[in-house]
Amino acid sequence: MQAVIFALAVLSLPLLIASAALGYTAAHGNGVLGTHVNVALIATMVVLLSHTITIFYFVGAGSAVERETEERGLDRLYLDEAKRFKKRLFPWALAATFLTMFTAMLGGGVHVGAVPPLVHHVLALLTLVSNGVALARVPGALIRNNRLLDEAAT
């Protein structure tokens, strides 16, 4: 599961960057809007899948640590550590998820003329930043989670 999480995280950001680049070239008349839309839809699905799987994985791992802590009478430091790195990851992952969805939806609004392009552009930049931070935190969280699970098991 960790390999899937890492692979999706590695794939997500380049897709978002490609989508943004295609969008800006299409907005200035140098690109094909259809290509931007197709890449943006793929990027959105991969990003949403990436963050959703990551969040559910860490929720499950946290539950396992909590169960082991209670059943085996382990130090609560294990549980506190699991909560600590989830608190660093989850707000960014959730923000990135929602910004990605809103950016995609409002992109459709720009396409039909119902939303000003500036709104979509600002959201696209916020989406890139939030996803960059969230995805940069995934490898460290996976490493800390593995250490925590190994320590709790021994």
Protein backbone atom coordinates (compact mmCIF):
# COMPACT_ATOMS: atom_id res chain seq x y z
CA MET A 1 0.00 0.00 0.00
CA GLN A 2 2.85 2.38 0.82
CA ALA A 3 4.31 1.90 -2.66
CA VAL A 4 0.95 2.86 -4.19
CA ILE A 5 0.70 5.94 -1.98
CA PHE A 6 4.23 7.00 -2.89
CA ALA A 7 3.70 6.34 -6.62
CA LEU A 8 0.49 8.37 -6.69
CA ALA A 9 2.19 11.20 -4.81
CA VAL A 10 5.07 11.21 -7.29
CA LEU A 11 2.65 11.19 -10.23
CA SER A 12 0.28 13.86 -8.90
CA LEU A 13 2.43 16.95 -8.89
CA PRO A 14 3.85 16.61 -12.45
CA LEU A 15 0.30 16.09 -13.73
CA LEU A 16 -0.89 19.23 -11.96
CA ILE A 17 2.06 21.23 -13.27
CA ALA A 18 1.44 19.97 -16.81
CA SER A 19 -2.23 20.86 -16.48
CA ALA A 20 -1.40 24.38 -15.30
CA ALA A 21 1.16 24.88 -18.06
CA LEU A 22 -1.29 23.70 -20.71
CA GLY A 23 -3.99 25.94 -19.24
CA TYR A 24 -1.80 29.02 -19.37
CA THR A 25 -0.68 28.31 -22.92
CA ALA A 26 -4.28 27.71 -23.99
CA ALA A 27 -5.37 30.94 -22.27
CA HIS A 28 -2.84 32.89 -24.32
CA GLY A 29 -3.87 31.29 -27.59
CA ASN A 30 -0.78 29.10 -27.93
CA GLY A 31 -2.26 25.77 -26.90
CA VAL A 32 -5.19 23.50 -27.30
CA LEU A 33 -7.86 23.92 -24.65
CA GLY A 34 -9.05 20.32 -25.05
CA THR A 35 -5.62 19.00 -24.08
CA HIS A 36 -5.65 21.15 -20.94
CA VAL A 37 -9.11 19.88 -20.01
CA ASN A 38 -8.13 16.22 -20.54
CA VAL A 39 -4.88 16.50 -18.58
CA ALA A 40 -6.66 18.49 -15.84
CA LEU A 41 -9.33 15.81 -15.45
CA ILE A 42 -6.70 13.07 -15.21
CA ALA A 43 -4.64 15.14 -12.77
CA THR A 44 -7.72 15.81 -10.64
CA MET A 45 -8.61 12.13 -10.42
CA VAL A 46 -5.04 11.08 -9.58
CA VAL A 47 -4.70 13.81 -6.93
CA LEU A 48 -8.04 12.93 -5.32
CA LEU A 49 -7.16 9.23 -5.32
CA SER A 50 -3.72 9.97 -3.89
CA HIS A 51 -4.95 12.08 -0.99
CA THR A 52 -7.91 9.83 -0.22
CA ILE A 53 -5.80 6.68 -0.07
CA THR A 54 -3.17 8.47 2.00
CA ILE A 55 -5.69 9.73 4.54
CA PHE A 56 -7.41 6.36 4.90
CA TYR A 57 -4.06 4.57 5.23
CA PHE A 58 -2.95 6.80 8.08
CA VAL A 59 -6.34 6.60 9.78
CA GLY A 60 -6.07 2.80 9.66
CA ALA A 61 -2.46 2.80 10.85
CA GLY A 62 -3.39 5.15 13.69
CA SER A 63 -6.21 2.83 14.71
CA ALA A 64 -3.79 -0.10 14.73
CA VAL A 65 -1.35 1.81 16.94
CA GLU A 66 -4.18 2.79 19.27
CA ARG A 67 -5.41 -0.79 19.49
CA GLU A 68 -1.89 -2.10 20.19
CA THR A 69 -1.33 0.61 22.78
CA GLU A 70 -4.49 -0.36 24.64
CA GLU A 71 -4.19 -4.15 24.29
CA ARG A 72 -0.51 -4.42 25.16
CA GLY A 73 -0.33 -1.55 27.61
CA LEU A 74 2.26 0.33 25.56
CA ASP A 75 3.41 3.83 26.34
CA ARG A 76 0.99 6.46 25.05
CA LEU A 77 3.94 8.13 23.32
CA TYR A 78 3.31 5.84 20.34
CA LEU A 79 -0.24 7.09 20.02
CA ASP A 80 0.84 10.71 20.51
CA GLU A 81 3.48 10.34 17.79
CA ALA A 82 0.92 8.88 15.35
CA LYS A 83 -1.41 11.80 16.03
CA ARG A 84 1.41 14.32 15.68
CA PHE A 85 2.45 13.44 12.15
CA LYS A 86 -1.17 13.04 11.03
CA LYS A 87 -1.80 16.60 12.23
CA ARG A 88 1.05 17.78 10.01
CA LEU A 89 -0.25 15.93 6.95
CA PHE A 90 -4.06 15.90 7.11
CA PRO A 91 -4.83 19.64 6.96
CA TRP A 92 -2.67 20.03 3.85
CA ALA A 93 -4.05 16.88 2.22
CA LEU A 94 -7.63 17.97 2.86
CA ALA A 95 -6.97 21.53 1.67
CA ALA A 96 -5.28 20.19 -1.46
CA THR A 97 -8.19 17.82 -2.09
CA PHE A 98 -10.83 20.53 -1.86
CA LEU A 99 -8.82 23.11 -3.78
CA THR A 100 -8.22 20.59 -6.55
CA MET A 101 -11.94 19.83 -6.79
CA PHE A 102 -12.97 23.50 -6.74
CA THR A 103 -10.35 24.44 -9.31
CA ALA A 104 -11.57 21.72 -11.66
CA MET A 105 -15.22 22.64 -11.20
CA LEU A 106 -14.63 26.35 -11.67
CA GLY A 107 -12.51 25.58 -14.73
CA GLY A 108 -15.69 24.29 -16.29
CA GLY A 109 -17.35 27.54 -15.29
CA VAL A 110 -14.61 29.50 -17.03
CA HIS A 111 -15.08 27.39 -20.14
CA VAL A 112 -18.77 28.34 -20.40
CA GLY A 113 -18.18 31.96 -19.38
CA ALA A 114 -19.87 31.80 -15.98
CA VAL A 115 -16.69 32.32 -13.92
CA PRO A 116 -13.97 34.91 -14.47
CA PRO A 117 -10.67 33.32 -15.55
CA LEU A 118 -8.82 35.11 -12.74
CA VAL A 119 -10.73 33.06 -10.14
CA HIS A 120 -9.65 29.82 -11.81
CA HIS A 121 -6.05 31.06 -12.12
CA VAL A 122 -5.81 31.99 -8.43
CA LEU A 123 -7.31 28.67 -7.39
CA ALA A 124 -4.90 26.85 -9.71
CA LEU A 125 -1.94 28.51 -8.01
CA LEU A 126 -3.31 27.70 -4.55
CA THR A 127 -3.91 24.13 -5.71
CA LEU A 128 -0.32 23.77 -6.87
CA VAL A 129 1.05 25.13 -3.59
CA SER A 130 -1.21 23.08 -1.31
CA ASN A 131 -0.56 19.89 -3.26
CA GLY A 132 3.17 20.58 -3.29
CA VAL A 133 3.23 20.90 0.50
CA ALA A 134 0.91 17.93 1.08
CA LEU A 135 2.76 15.66 -1.32
CA ALA A 136 6.15 16.70 0.08
CA ARG A 137 5.01 15.57 3.53
CA VAL A 138 3.94 12.09 2.41
CA PRO A 139 7.37 10.37 2.27
CA GLY A 140 8.36 11.64 5.73
CA ALA A 141 5.02 10.58 7.17
CA LEU A 142 5.39 7.10 5.65
CA ILE A 143 8.90 6.74 7.09
CA ARG A 144 7.81 7.90 10.56
CA ASN A 145 4.78 5.64 10.39
CA ASN A 146 6.95 2.62 9.55
CA ARG A 147 9.31 3.38 12.43
CA LEU A 148 6.40 3.83 14.78
CA LEU A 149 4.79 0.55 13.74
CA ASP A 150 8.12 -1.29 14.05
CA GLU A 151 8.75 0.15 17.53
CA ALA A 152 5.22 -0.64 18.67
CA ALA A 153 5.54 -4.22 17.40
CA THR A 154 8.74 -4.93 19.34
